[in-house]
Amino acid sequence: MARVEGRPLTDGELIERARGGDVAAYEELVRRYEQQAFRAAYLVCHDADEARDACQEGFIRAWRALGTFRAGAEPRPWLMRIVVNAARNRRRGSGRRDTLALRIAQDRPSDGAAPSPEAAVLATERRERLLAAVNRLSDDDRTVIGLRWFADLGESEMAAALDVPRGTVKSRLSRAMGRLRAVIGEEERP
């Protein structure tokens, strides 16, 4: 990990060093965001191999575009937008329409203890119902829900990643969550 005066470098410091040609600084930035980038790309591609390729392609594109990065801006949304765009291009090129298969982290009690067998079965059933409900949504709804809840991006980061105004993100997320609630409600009816 890149450090200065006993503390890790900030994203801004890393990107400035990378803009100056410091490959190690860029590698550290990639390490920080590769998991989030993969999840975001997976939401678009719906295929792990395609998502990995989109991430690699996106990070290479970002390296080449470092000169266009606006000084003082946050690197994470900028990187996510490039990766999401690479994933969209790959998906359009491949023509795939696979269903989304998100891996939702296993529920664990806050003390870190393993759940009881009954709790594990219930958690698995809940995850499967949620996954089925999310898979019934449109691509746009899955993307906005996935970026917020599975890639853990905030509204302004989502706006940058999707290249839309923050208000648009808020309204899209609100409508997508409403549709998700409706789908879950339909599945719960006898």
N, C-alpha and C. Protein backbone atom coordinates (compact mmCIF):
# COMPACT_ATOMS: atom_id res chain seq x y z
N MET A 1 0.85 -1.18 0.00
CA MET A 1 0.00 0.00 0.00
C MET A 1 0.89 1.24 0.00
N ALA A 2 0.56 2.18 -0.86
CA ALA A 2 1.32 3.43 -0.93
C ALA A 2 1.03 4.27 0.31
N ARG A 3 2.10 4.77 0.91
CA ARG A 3 1.97 5.55 2.14
C ARG A 3 2.79 6.82 2.03
N VAL A 4 2.37 7.80 2.79
CA VAL A 4 3.13 9.03 2.93
C VAL A 4 3.06 9.42 4.40
N GLU A 5 4.22 9.67 4.99
CA GLU A 5 4.31 10.09 6.39
C GLU A 5 3.48 9.19 7.30
N GLY A 6 3.56 7.87 7.12
CA GLY A 6 2.89 6.94 8.00
C GLY A 6 1.41 6.73 7.76
N ARG A 7 0.85 7.37 6.78
CA ARG A 7 -0.57 7.19 6.50
C ARG A 7 -0.74 6.76 5.05
N PRO A 8 -1.80 6.00 4.77
CA PRO A 8 -2.05 5.62 3.38
C PRO A 8 -2.38 6.86 2.54
N LEU A 9 -2.04 6.79 1.29
CA LEU A 9 -2.37 7.88 0.38
C LEU A 9 -3.87 7.91 0.13
N THR A 10 -4.42 9.09 -0.03
CA THR A 10 -5.84 9.23 -0.38
C THR A 10 -6.01 8.89 -1.84
N ASP A 11 -7.26 8.68 -2.24
CA ASP A 11 -7.54 8.42 -3.65
C ASP A 11 -7.05 9.58 -4.51
N GLY A 12 -7.28 10.80 -4.03
CA GLY A 12 -6.84 11.97 -4.79
C GLY A 12 -5.34 12.01 -4.97
N GLU A 13 -4.60 11.66 -3.92
CA GLU A 13 -3.14 11.63 -4.02
C GLU A 13 -2.68 10.53 -4.97
N LEU A 14 -3.34 9.39 -4.89
CA LEU A 14 -2.99 8.29 -5.80
C LEU A 14 -3.23 8.67 -7.25
N ILE A 15 -4.37 9.29 -7.52
CA ILE A 15 -4.67 9.62 -8.92
C ILE A 15 -3.72 10.69 -9.44
N GLU A 16 -3.35 11.63 -8.58
CA GLU A 16 -2.39 12.65 -9.02
C GLU A 16 -1.03 12.03 -9.31
N ARG A 17 -0.61 11.09 -8.48
CA ARG A 17 0.66 10.39 -8.75
C ARG A 17 0.55 9.58 -10.04
N ALA A 18 -0.59 8.91 -10.22
CA ALA A 18 -0.80 8.12 -11.44
C ALA A 18 -0.77 9.03 -12.67
N ARG A 19 -1.36 10.21 -12.55
CA ARG A 19 -1.34 11.16 -13.67
C ARG A 19 0.09 11.56 -14.02
N GLY A 20 0.96 11.51 -13.01
CA GLY A 20 2.37 11.81 -13.23
C GLY A 20 3.17 10.62 -13.72
N GLY A 21 2.49 9.48 -13.97
CA GLY A 21 3.16 8.31 -14.51
C GLY A 21 3.51 7.24 -13.49
N ASP A 22 3.08 7.39 -12.24
CA ASP A 22 3.37 6.42 -11.19
C ASP A 22 2.45 5.22 -11.32
N VAL A 23 2.95 4.14 -11.91
CA VAL A 23 2.17 2.94 -12.16
C VAL A 23 1.75 2.29 -10.84
N ALA A 24 2.62 2.29 -9.85
CA ALA A 24 2.30 1.68 -8.56
C ALA A 24 1.11 2.39 -7.90
N ALA A 25 1.04 3.70 -8.03
CA ALA A 25 -0.09 4.45 -7.46
C ALA A 25 -1.39 4.05 -8.16
N TYR A 26 -1.35 3.89 -9.47
CA TYR A 26 -2.54 3.47 -10.19
C TYR A 26 -2.94 2.05 -9.81
N GLU A 27 -1.95 1.17 -9.66
CA GLU A 27 -2.24 -0.21 -9.24
C GLU A 27 -2.94 -0.22 -7.88
N GLU A 28 -2.52 0.63 -6.97
CA GLU A 28 -3.16 0.71 -5.65
C GLU A 28 -4.60 1.18 -5.79
N LEU A 29 -4.84 2.15 -6.65
CA LEU A 29 -6.20 2.63 -6.89
C LEU A 29 -7.07 1.51 -7.46
N VAL A 30 -6.52 0.77 -8.39
CA VAL A 30 -7.26 -0.37 -8.97
C VAL A 30 -7.57 -1.39 -7.88
N ARG A 31 -6.60 -1.71 -7.03
CA ARG A 31 -6.84 -2.67 -5.94
C ARG A 31 -7.96 -2.21 -5.03
N ARG A 32 -8.03 -0.92 -4.77
CA ARG A 32 -9.06 -0.40 -3.89
C ARG A 32 -10.46 -0.59 -4.46
N TYR A 33 -10.59 -0.53 -5.77
CA TYR A 33 -11.92 -0.51 -6.38
C TYR A 33 -12.23 -1.69 -7.28
N GLU A 34 -11.33 -2.66 -7.38
CA GLU A 34 -11.59 -3.75 -8.33
C GLU A 34 -12.81 -4.57 -7.96
N GLN A 35 -13.09 -4.79 -6.68
CA GLN A 35 -14.26 -5.57 -6.30
C GLN A 35 -15.55 -4.84 -6.62
N GLN A 36 -15.60 -3.55 -6.30
CA GLN A 36 -16.79 -2.76 -6.62
C GLN A 36 -16.97 -2.66 -8.13
N ALA A 37 -15.88 -2.49 -8.84
CA ALA A 37 -15.96 -2.40 -10.30
C ALA A 37 -16.48 -3.72 -10.89
N PHE A 38 -15.99 -4.83 -10.33
CA PHE A 38 -16.47 -6.12 -10.82
C PHE A 38 -17.97 -6.26 -10.59
N ARG A 39 -18.43 -5.92 -9.39
CA ARG A 39 -19.87 -6.04 -9.10
C ARG A 39 -20.68 -5.15 -10.05
N ALA A 40 -20.20 -3.93 -10.28
CA ALA A 40 -20.92 -3.03 -11.19
C ALA A 40 -20.94 -3.60 -12.61
N ALA A 41 -19.81 -4.11 -13.08
CA ALA A 41 -19.75 -4.69 -14.43
C ALA A 41 -20.63 -5.93 -14.52
N TYR A 42 -20.65 -6.72 -13.45
CA TYR A 42 -21.45 -7.94 -13.45
C TYR A 42 -22.94 -7.61 -13.56
N LEU A 43 -23.35 -6.53 -12.94
CA LEU A 43 -24.75 -6.11 -13.01
C LEU A 43 -25.16 -5.79 -14.44
N VAL A 44 -24.21 -5.35 -15.23
CA VAL A 44 -24.50 -5.01 -16.63
C VAL A 44 -24.34 -6.23 -17.53
N CYS A 45 -23.26 -6.98 -17.35
CA CYS A 45 -22.94 -8.11 -18.24
C CYS A 45 -23.69 -9.39 -17.90
N HIS A 46 -23.97 -9.60 -16.63
CA HIS A 46 -24.65 -10.82 -16.17
C HIS A 46 -23.80 -12.07 -16.39
N ASP A 47 -22.49 -11.91 -16.50
CA ASP A 47 -21.60 -13.03 -16.72
C ASP A 47 -20.26 -12.68 -16.06
N ALA A 48 -19.76 -13.57 -15.22
CA ALA A 48 -18.54 -13.28 -14.46
C ALA A 48 -17.33 -13.06 -15.37
N ASP A 49 -17.17 -13.89 -16.39
CA ASP A 49 -16.03 -13.72 -17.29
C ASP A 49 -16.11 -12.41 -18.05
N GLU A 50 -17.30 -12.09 -18.55
CA GLU A 50 -17.49 -10.81 -19.25
C GLU A 50 -17.23 -9.63 -18.32
N ALA A 51 -17.68 -9.75 -17.07
CA ALA A 51 -17.48 -8.67 -16.09
C ALA A 51 -16.00 -8.48 -15.80
N ARG A 52 -15.26 -9.57 -15.64
CA ARG A 52 -13.80 -9.46 -15.41
C ARG A 52 -13.13 -8.78 -16.60
N ASP A 53 -13.52 -9.19 -17.81
CA ASP A 53 -12.95 -8.57 -19.00
C ASP A 53 -13.31 -7.09 -19.09
N ALA A 54 -14.55 -6.76 -18.75
CA ALA A 54 -14.98 -5.35 -18.77
C ALA A 54 -14.20 -4.53 -17.75
N CYS A 55 -13.96 -5.10 -16.58
CA CYS A 55 -13.16 -4.39 -15.56
C CYS A 55 -11.75 -4.13 -16.08
N GLN A 56 -11.14 -5.17 -16.61
CA GLN A 56 -9.78 -5.00 -17.12
C GLN A 56 -9.75 -3.94 -18.23
N GLU A 57 -10.69 -4.05 -19.14
CA GLU A 57 -10.77 -3.08 -20.23
C GLU A 57 -11.02 -1.67 -19.69
N GLY A 58 -11.94 -1.56 -18.72
CA GLY A 58 -12.24 -0.26 -18.14
C GLY A 58 -11.06 0.36 -17.43
N PHE A 59 -10.32 -0.44 -16.66
CA PHE A 59 -9.16 0.09 -15.96
C PHE A 59 -8.05 0.48 -16.92
N ILE A 60 -7.91 -0.26 -18.02
CA ILE A 60 -6.92 0.12 -19.04
C ILE A 60 -7.34 1.44 -19.69
N ARG A 61 -8.63 1.56 -20.01
CA ARG A 61 -9.13 2.82 -20.60
C ARG A 61 -8.92 3.98 -19.64
N ALA A 62 -9.17 3.74 -18.35
CA ALA A 62 -8.99 4.80 -17.36
C ALA A 62 -7.53 5.22 -17.29
N TRP A 63 -6.61 4.26 -17.33
CA TRP A 63 -5.18 4.59 -17.31
C TRP A 63 -4.84 5.50 -18.49
N ARG A 64 -5.36 5.13 -19.65
CA ARG A 64 -5.07 5.92 -20.85
C ARG A 64 -5.73 7.30 -20.80
N ALA A 65 -6.82 7.42 -20.04
CA ALA A 65 -7.56 8.68 -19.97
C ALA A 65 -7.21 9.52 -18.73
N LEU A 66 -6.16 9.15 -18.02
CA LEU A 66 -5.81 9.89 -16.80
C LEU A 66 -5.63 11.38 -17.07
N GLY A 67 -5.17 11.72 -18.23
CA GLY A 67 -4.98 13.13 -18.58
C GLY A 67 -6.28 13.90 -18.64
N THR A 68 -7.40 13.22 -18.81
CA THR A 68 -8.70 13.90 -18.89
C THR A 68 -9.39 13.96 -17.54
N PHE A 69 -8.81 13.31 -16.53
CA PHE A 69 -9.42 13.33 -15.20
C PHE A 69 -9.38 14.75 -14.65
N ARG A 70 -10.52 15.20 -14.16
CA ARG A 70 -10.62 16.56 -13.63
C ARG A 70 -10.00 16.61 -12.24
N ALA A 71 -8.95 17.38 -12.08
CA ALA A 71 -8.25 17.50 -10.80
C ALA A 71 -9.24 17.91 -9.71
N GLY A 72 -9.14 17.25 -8.57
CA GLY A 72 -10.02 17.55 -7.44
C GLY A 72 -11.29 16.72 -7.41
N ALA A 73 -11.62 16.05 -8.51
CA ALA A 73 -12.82 15.21 -8.55
C ALA A 73 -12.53 13.90 -7.83
N GLU A 74 -13.59 13.19 -7.48
CA GLU A 74 -13.44 11.89 -6.83
C GLU A 74 -13.14 10.82 -7.88
N PRO A 75 -12.10 10.03 -7.69
CA PRO A 75 -11.74 9.00 -8.68
C PRO A 75 -12.73 7.84 -8.78
N ARG A 76 -13.35 7.44 -7.67
CA ARG A 76 -14.22 6.25 -7.69
C ARG A 76 -15.35 6.36 -8.70
N PRO A 77 -16.16 7.43 -8.68
CA PRO A 77 -17.24 7.51 -9.69
C PRO A 77 -16.70 7.56 -11.11
N TRP A 78 -15.58 8.23 -11.31
CA TRP A 78 -14.97 8.32 -12.63
C TRP A 78 -14.58 6.92 -13.12
N LEU A 79 -13.92 6.16 -12.26
CA LEU A 79 -13.53 4.79 -12.62
C LEU A 79 -14.75 3.92 -12.87
N MET A 80 -15.76 4.03 -12.01
CA MET A 80 -16.97 3.22 -12.17
C MET A 80 -17.68 3.53 -13.48
N ARG A 81 -17.73 4.80 -13.86
CA ARG A 81 -18.38 5.15 -15.12
C ARG A 81 -17.65 4.50 -16.29
N ILE A 82 -16.33 4.52 -16.26
CA ILE A 82 -15.56 3.93 -17.36
C ILE A 82 -15.78 2.42 -17.40
N VAL A 83 -15.78 1.76 -16.24
CA VAL A 83 -15.99 0.32 -16.19
C VAL A 83 -17.42 -0.04 -16.63
N VAL A 84 -18.41 0.70 -16.15
CA VAL A 84 -19.80 0.44 -16.54
C VAL A 84 -19.98 0.63 -18.04
N ASN A 85 -19.36 1.66 -18.60
CA ASN A 85 -19.45 1.86 -20.05
C ASN A 85 -18.78 0.72 -20.81
N ALA A 86 -17.65 0.25 -20.32
CA ALA A 86 -16.98 -0.89 -20.96
C ALA A 86 -17.88 -2.13 -20.89
N ALA A 87 -18.53 -2.31 -19.76
CA ALA A 87 -19.44 -3.46 -19.60
C ALA A 87 -20.64 -3.33 -20.55
N ARG A 88 -21.18 -2.12 -20.66
CA ARG A 88 -22.30 -1.92 -21.59
C ARG A 88 -21.88 -2.23 -23.01
N ASN A 89 -20.71 -1.77 -23.40
CA ASN A 89 -20.21 -2.03 -24.75
C ASN A 89 -20.03 -3.53 -24.98
N ARG A 90 -19.50 -4.23 -23.99
CA ARG A 90 -19.32 -5.69 -24.11
C ARG A 90 -20.67 -6.38 -24.22
N ARG A 91 -21.61 -5.94 -23.42
CA ARG A 91 -22.94 -6.57 -23.45
C ARG A 91 -23.61 -6.33 -24.80
N ARG A 92 -23.55 -5.10 -25.28
CA ARG A 92 -24.14 -4.81 -26.59
C ARG A 92 -23.47 -5.64 -27.67
N GLY A 93 -22.16 -5.77 -27.58
CA GLY A 93 -21.41 -6.53 -28.57
C GLY A 93 -21.72 -8.01 -28.52
N SER A 94 -21.95 -8.54 -27.35
CA SER A 94 -22.19 -9.98 -27.24
C SER A 94 -23.65 -10.33 -27.43
N GLY A 95 -24.55 -9.37 -27.18
CA GLY A 95 -25.97 -9.63 -27.36
C GLY A 95 -26.56 -10.56 -26.31
N ARG A 96 -25.88 -10.72 -25.20
CA ARG A 96 -26.37 -11.64 -24.17
C ARG A 96 -27.50 -11.02 -23.37
N ARG A 97 -28.46 -11.86 -22.99
CA ARG A 97 -29.58 -11.43 -22.15
C ARG A 97 -29.76 -12.41 -21.00
N ASP A 98 -28.65 -12.78 -20.35
CA ASP A 98 -28.74 -13.73 -19.24
C ASP A 98 -29.41 -13.06 -18.05
N THR A 99 -29.95 -13.86 -17.18
CA THR A 99 -30.54 -13.31 -15.97
C THR A 99 -29.44 -12.95 -14.99
N LEU A 100 -29.77 -12.00 -14.17
CA LEU A 100 -28.82 -11.53 -13.17
C LEU A 100 -28.68 -12.57 -12.07
N ALA A 101 -27.46 -12.84 -11.69
CA ALA A 101 -27.22 -13.80 -10.60
C ALA A 101 -26.33 -13.13 -9.57
N LEU A 102 -26.90 -12.28 -8.77
CA LEU A 102 -26.14 -11.57 -7.75
C LEU A 102 -25.86 -12.48 -6.58
N ARG A 103 -24.69 -12.33 -6.03
CA ARG A 103 -24.37 -13.05 -4.80
C ARG A 103 -24.54 -12.07 -3.66
N ILE A 104 -25.51 -12.39 -2.84
CA ILE A 104 -25.79 -11.53 -1.70
C ILE A 104 -25.03 -12.09 -0.51
N ALA A 105 -24.34 -11.23 0.17
CA ALA A 105 -23.53 -11.68 1.30
C ALA A 105 -24.38 -12.45 2.30
N GLN A 106 -23.79 -13.48 2.83
CA GLN A 106 -24.51 -14.33 3.78
C GLN A 106 -24.78 -13.56 5.06
N ASP A 107 -26.03 -13.65 5.55
CA ASP A 107 -26.40 -12.99 6.79
C ASP A 107 -25.63 -13.61 7.93
N ARG A 108 -25.03 -12.76 8.76
CA ARG A 108 -24.31 -13.23 9.94
C ARG A 108 -24.68 -12.34 11.11
N PRO A 109 -24.80 -12.93 12.27
CA PRO A 109 -25.02 -12.10 13.46
C PRO A 109 -23.86 -11.14 13.64
N SER A 110 -24.11 -10.01 14.30
CA SER A 110 -23.09 -8.98 14.46
C SER A 110 -21.89 -9.46 15.26
N ASP A 111 -22.04 -10.50 16.08
CA ASP A 111 -20.91 -10.98 16.86
C ASP A 111 -19.99 -11.89 16.06
N GLY A 112 -20.31 -12.14 14.79
CA GLY A 112 -19.47 -12.94 13.92
C GLY A 112 -19.71 -14.44 14.05
N ALA A 113 -20.60 -14.85 14.94
CA ALA A 113 -20.89 -16.27 15.12
C ALA A 113 -21.65 -16.80 13.92
N ALA A 114 -21.46 -18.06 13.64
CA ALA A 114 -22.18 -18.69 12.53
C ALA A 114 -23.67 -18.76 12.89
N PRO A 115 -24.55 -18.57 11.91
CA PRO A 115 -25.98 -18.66 12.20
C PRO A 115 -26.38 -20.10 12.48
N SER A 116 -27.50 -20.25 13.15
CA SER A 116 -28.01 -21.60 13.39
C SER A 116 -28.42 -22.20 12.05
N PRO A 117 -28.56 -23.52 11.97
CA PRO A 117 -28.98 -24.12 10.71
C PRO A 117 -30.33 -23.58 10.22
N GLU A 118 -31.26 -23.34 11.16
CA GLU A 118 -32.57 -22.81 10.78
C GLU A 118 -32.42 -21.40 10.21
N ALA A 119 -31.61 -20.59 10.88
CA ALA A 119 -31.40 -19.21 10.41
C ALA A 119 -30.72 -19.20 9.05
N ALA A 120 -29.78 -20.11 8.84
CA ALA A 120 -29.08 -20.19 7.56
C ALA A 120 -30.05 -20.56 6.44
N VAL A 121 -30.96 -21.51 6.71
CA VAL A 121 -31.95 -21.90 5.70
C VAL A 121 -32.88 -20.74 5.38
N LEU A 122 -33.35 -20.04 6.42
CA LEU A 122 -34.23 -18.90 6.20
C LEU A 122 -33.52 -17.79 5.43
N ALA A 123 -32.26 -17.53 5.78
CA ALA A 123 -31.50 -16.49 5.08
C ALA A 123 -31.32 -16.85 3.61
N THR A 124 -31.04 -18.11 3.35
CA THR A 124 -30.87 -18.57 1.97
C THR A 124 -32.18 -18.41 1.20
N GLU A 125 -33.29 -18.77 1.82
CA GLU A 125 -34.59 -18.61 1.16
C GLU A 125 -34.89 -17.14 0.88
N ARG A 126 -34.59 -16.27 1.83
CA ARG A 126 -34.80 -14.82 1.62
C ARG A 126 -33.96 -14.30 0.47
N ARG A 127 -32.68 -14.73 0.43
CA ARG A 127 -31.79 -14.28 -0.66
C ARG A 127 -32.31 -14.77 -2.00
N GLU A 128 -32.78 -16.02 -2.05
CA GLU A 128 -33.29 -16.58 -3.30
C GLU A 128 -34.55 -15.84 -3.76
N ARG A 129 -35.45 -15.50 -2.81
CA ARG A 129 -36.65 -14.73 -3.18
C ARG A 129 -36.27 -13.34 -3.67
N LEU A 130 -35.32 -12.70 -2.99
CA LEU A 130 -34.87 -11.37 -3.42
C LEU A 130 -34.23 -11.44 -4.79
N LEU A 131 -33.39 -12.42 -5.01
CA LEU A 131 -32.74 -12.59 -6.31
C LEU A 131 -33.76 -12.81 -7.41
N ALA A 132 -34.74 -13.64 -7.15
CA ALA A 132 -35.79 -13.90 -8.14
C ALA A 132 -36.56 -12.61 -8.45
N ALA A 133 -36.85 -11.83 -7.41
CA ALA A 133 -37.58 -10.57 -7.61
C ALA A 133 -36.73 -9.58 -8.41
N VAL A 134 -35.46 -9.46 -8.08
CA VAL A 134 -34.57 -8.54 -8.81
C VAL A 134 -34.45 -8.98 -10.26
N ASN A 135 -34.37 -10.28 -10.50
CA ASN A 135 -34.24 -10.79 -11.87
C ASN A 135 -35.48 -10.50 -12.73
N ARG A 136 -36.61 -10.27 -12.11
CA ARG A 136 -37.83 -9.97 -12.86
C ARG A 136 -37.88 -8.51 -13.31
N LEU A 137 -36.99 -7.67 -12.80
CA LEU A 137 -36.98 -6.24 -13.15
C LEU A 137 -36.29 -6.03 -14.50
N SER A 138 -36.48 -4.84 -15.04
CA SER A 138 -35.82 -4.47 -16.30
C SER A 138 -34.32 -4.30 -16.05
N ASP A 139 -33.54 -4.29 -17.14
CA ASP A 139 -32.10 -4.07 -17.03
C ASP A 139 -31.78 -2.77 -16.31
N ASP A 140 -32.50 -1.70 -16.66
CA ASP A 140 -32.23 -0.40 -16.04
C ASP A 140 -32.50 -0.43 -14.54
N ASP A 141 -33.60 -1.07 -14.14
CA ASP A 141 -33.92 -1.18 -12.72
C ASP A 141 -32.87 -2.02 -11.99
N ARG A 142 -32.46 -3.14 -12.60
CA ARG A 142 -31.44 -3.99 -11.96
C ARG A 142 -30.13 -3.23 -11.82
N THR A 143 -29.78 -2.45 -12.82
CA THR A 143 -28.52 -1.70 -12.76
C THR A 143 -28.54 -0.68 -11.64
N VAL A 144 -29.59 0.12 -11.55
CA VAL A 144 -29.63 1.17 -10.54
C VAL A 144 -29.71 0.57 -9.13
N ILE A 145 -30.49 -0.49 -8.95
CA ILE A 145 -30.56 -1.16 -7.64
C ILE A 145 -29.22 -1.81 -7.32
N GLY A 146 -28.63 -2.44 -8.31
CA GLY A 146 -27.35 -3.10 -8.08
C GLY A 146 -26.24 -2.13 -7.74
N LEU A 147 -26.17 -1.00 -8.45
CA LEU A 147 -25.13 -0.02 -8.14
C LEU A 147 -25.29 0.51 -6.72
N ARG A 148 -26.54 0.73 -6.30
CA ARG A 148 -26.77 1.28 -4.97
C ARG A 148 -26.55 0.25 -3.87
N TRP A 149 -27.18 -0.89 -3.99
CA TRP A 149 -27.20 -1.83 -2.88
C TRP A 149 -26.15 -2.93 -2.95
N PHE A 150 -25.69 -3.28 -4.15
CA PHE A 150 -24.70 -4.36 -4.25
C PHE A 150 -23.30 -3.84 -4.54
N ALA A 151 -23.19 -2.71 -5.23
CA ALA A 151 -21.86 -2.10 -5.44
C ALA A 151 -21.62 -1.01 -4.40
N ASP A 152 -22.64 -0.68 -3.61
CA ASP A 152 -22.53 0.25 -2.48
C ASP A 152 -22.10 1.66 -2.90
N LEU A 153 -22.64 2.14 -4.02
CA LEU A 153 -22.35 3.50 -4.45
C LEU A 153 -23.40 4.45 -3.88
N GLY A 154 -22.98 5.65 -3.52
CA GLY A 154 -23.91 6.69 -3.10
C GLY A 154 -24.55 7.33 -4.32
N GLU A 155 -25.52 8.22 -4.08
CA GLU A 155 -26.25 8.84 -5.19
C GLU A 155 -25.34 9.63 -6.11
N SER A 156 -24.44 10.43 -5.56
CA SER A 156 -23.58 11.23 -6.43
C SER A 156 -22.62 10.34 -7.21
N GLU A 157 -22.15 9.25 -6.59
CA GLU A 157 -21.28 8.32 -7.31
C GLU A 157 -22.05 7.59 -8.40
N MET A 158 -23.30 7.24 -8.11
CA MET A 158 -24.13 6.60 -9.13
C MET A 158 -24.37 7.55 -10.29
N ALA A 159 -24.62 8.81 -9.98
CA ALA A 159 -24.84 9.81 -11.02
C ALA A 159 -23.62 9.91 -11.93
N ALA A 160 -22.44 9.91 -11.33
CA ALA A 160 -21.22 9.97 -12.12
C ALA A 160 -21.03 8.68 -12.92
N ALA A 161 -21.31 7.53 -12.30
CA ALA A 161 -21.14 6.25 -12.99
C ALA A 161 -22.11 6.09 -14.15
N LEU A 162 -23.33 6.60 -13.99
CA LEU A 162 -24.35 6.47 -15.04
C LEU A 162 -24.36 7.67 -15.99
N ASP A 163 -23.59 8.69 -15.62
CA ASP A 163 -23.50 9.92 -16.41
C ASP A 163 -24.87 10.59 -16.56
N VAL A 164 -25.57 10.71 -15.43
CA VAL A 164 -26.87 11.38 -15.38
C VAL A 164 -26.88 12.29 -14.16
N PRO A 165 -27.79 13.27 -14.11
CA PRO A 165 -27.88 14.13 -12.92
C PRO A 165 -28.28 13.35 -11.68
N ARG A 166 -27.89 13.87 -10.52
CA ARG A 166 -28.20 13.20 -9.25
C ARG A 166 -29.71 13.04 -9.05
N GLY A 167 -30.48 14.03 -9.45
CA GLY A 167 -31.93 13.95 -9.33
C GLY A 167 -32.50 12.80 -10.15
N THR A 168 -31.91 12.55 -11.29
CA THR A 168 -32.34 11.43 -12.13
C THR A 168 -32.06 10.11 -11.42
N VAL A 169 -30.91 10.02 -10.77
CA VAL A 169 -30.58 8.81 -10.02
C VAL A 169 -31.61 8.60 -8.91
N LYS A 170 -31.93 9.67 -8.18
CA LYS A 170 -32.91 9.55 -7.09
C LYS A 170 -34.25 9.04 -7.61
N SER A 171 -34.72 9.61 -8.70
CA SER A 171 -36.03 9.20 -9.21
C SER A 171 -35.98 7.79 -9.78
N ARG A 172 -34.90 7.43 -10.50
CA ARG A 172 -34.79 6.08 -11.04
C ARG A 172 -34.72 5.05 -9.91
N LEU A 173 -33.94 5.35 -8.88
CA LEU A 173 -33.81 4.42 -7.76
C LEU A 173 -35.14 4.28 -7.03
N SER A 174 -35.83 5.38 -6.84
CA SER A 174 -37.12 5.33 -6.15
C SER A 174 -38.12 4.49 -6.93
N ARG A 175 -38.20 4.73 -8.25
CA ARG A 175 -39.13 3.96 -9.07
C ARG A 175 -38.74 2.48 -9.12
N ALA A 176 -37.44 2.21 -9.22
CA ALA A 176 -36.98 0.81 -9.27
C ALA A 176 -37.29 0.10 -7.96
N MET A 177 -37.09 0.78 -6.84
CA MET A 177 -37.39 0.17 -5.55
C MET A 177 -38.89 -0.07 -5.41
N GLY A 178 -39.70 0.84 -5.93
CA GLY A 178 -41.15 0.64 -5.92
C GLY A 178 -41.55 -0.58 -6.72
N ARG A 179 -40.93 -0.74 -7.90
CA ARG A 179 -41.24 -1.91 -8.73
C ARG A 179 -40.75 -3.19 -8.06
N LEU A 180 -39.60 -3.12 -7.38
CA LEU A 180 -39.11 -4.29 -6.67
C LEU A 180 -40.06 -4.67 -5.54
N ARG A 181 -40.55 -3.68 -4.80
CA ARG A 181 -41.52 -3.96 -3.74
C ARG A 181 -42.78 -4.61 -4.32
N ALA A 182 -43.23 -4.13 -5.47
CA ALA A 182 -44.43 -4.70 -6.10
C ALA A 182 -44.18 -6.15 -6.51
N VAL A 183 -43.03 -6.44 -7.07
CA VAL A 183 -42.71 -7.81 -7.47
C VAL A 183 -42.65 -8.71 -6.24
N ILE A 184 -42.03 -8.24 -5.17
CA ILE A 184 -41.95 -9.03 -3.94
C ILE A 184 -43.36 -9.26 -3.39
N GLY A 185 -44.18 -8.22 -3.44
CA GLY A 185 -45.57 -8.35 -2.98
C GLY A 185 -46.34 -9.38 -3.79
N GLU A 186 -46.15 -9.41 -5.11
CA GLU A 186 -46.80 -10.40 -5.96
C GLU A 186 -46.37 -11.82 -5.60
N GLU A 187 -45.10 -11.98 -5.31
CA GLU A 187 -44.58 -13.31 -4.99
C GLU A 187 -45.06 -13.80 -3.64
N GLU A 188 -45.38 -12.88 -2.74
CA GLU A 188 -45.82 -13.28 -1.40
C GLU A 188 -47.30 -13.60 -1.34
N ARG A 189 -48.07 -13.16 -2.35
CA ARG A 189 -49.50 -13.48 -2.37
C ARG A 189 -49.71 -14.95 -2.65
N PRO A 190 -50.73 -15.54 -1.99
CA PRO A 190 -50.99 -16.99 -2.22
C PRO A 190 -51.52 -17.28 -3.61
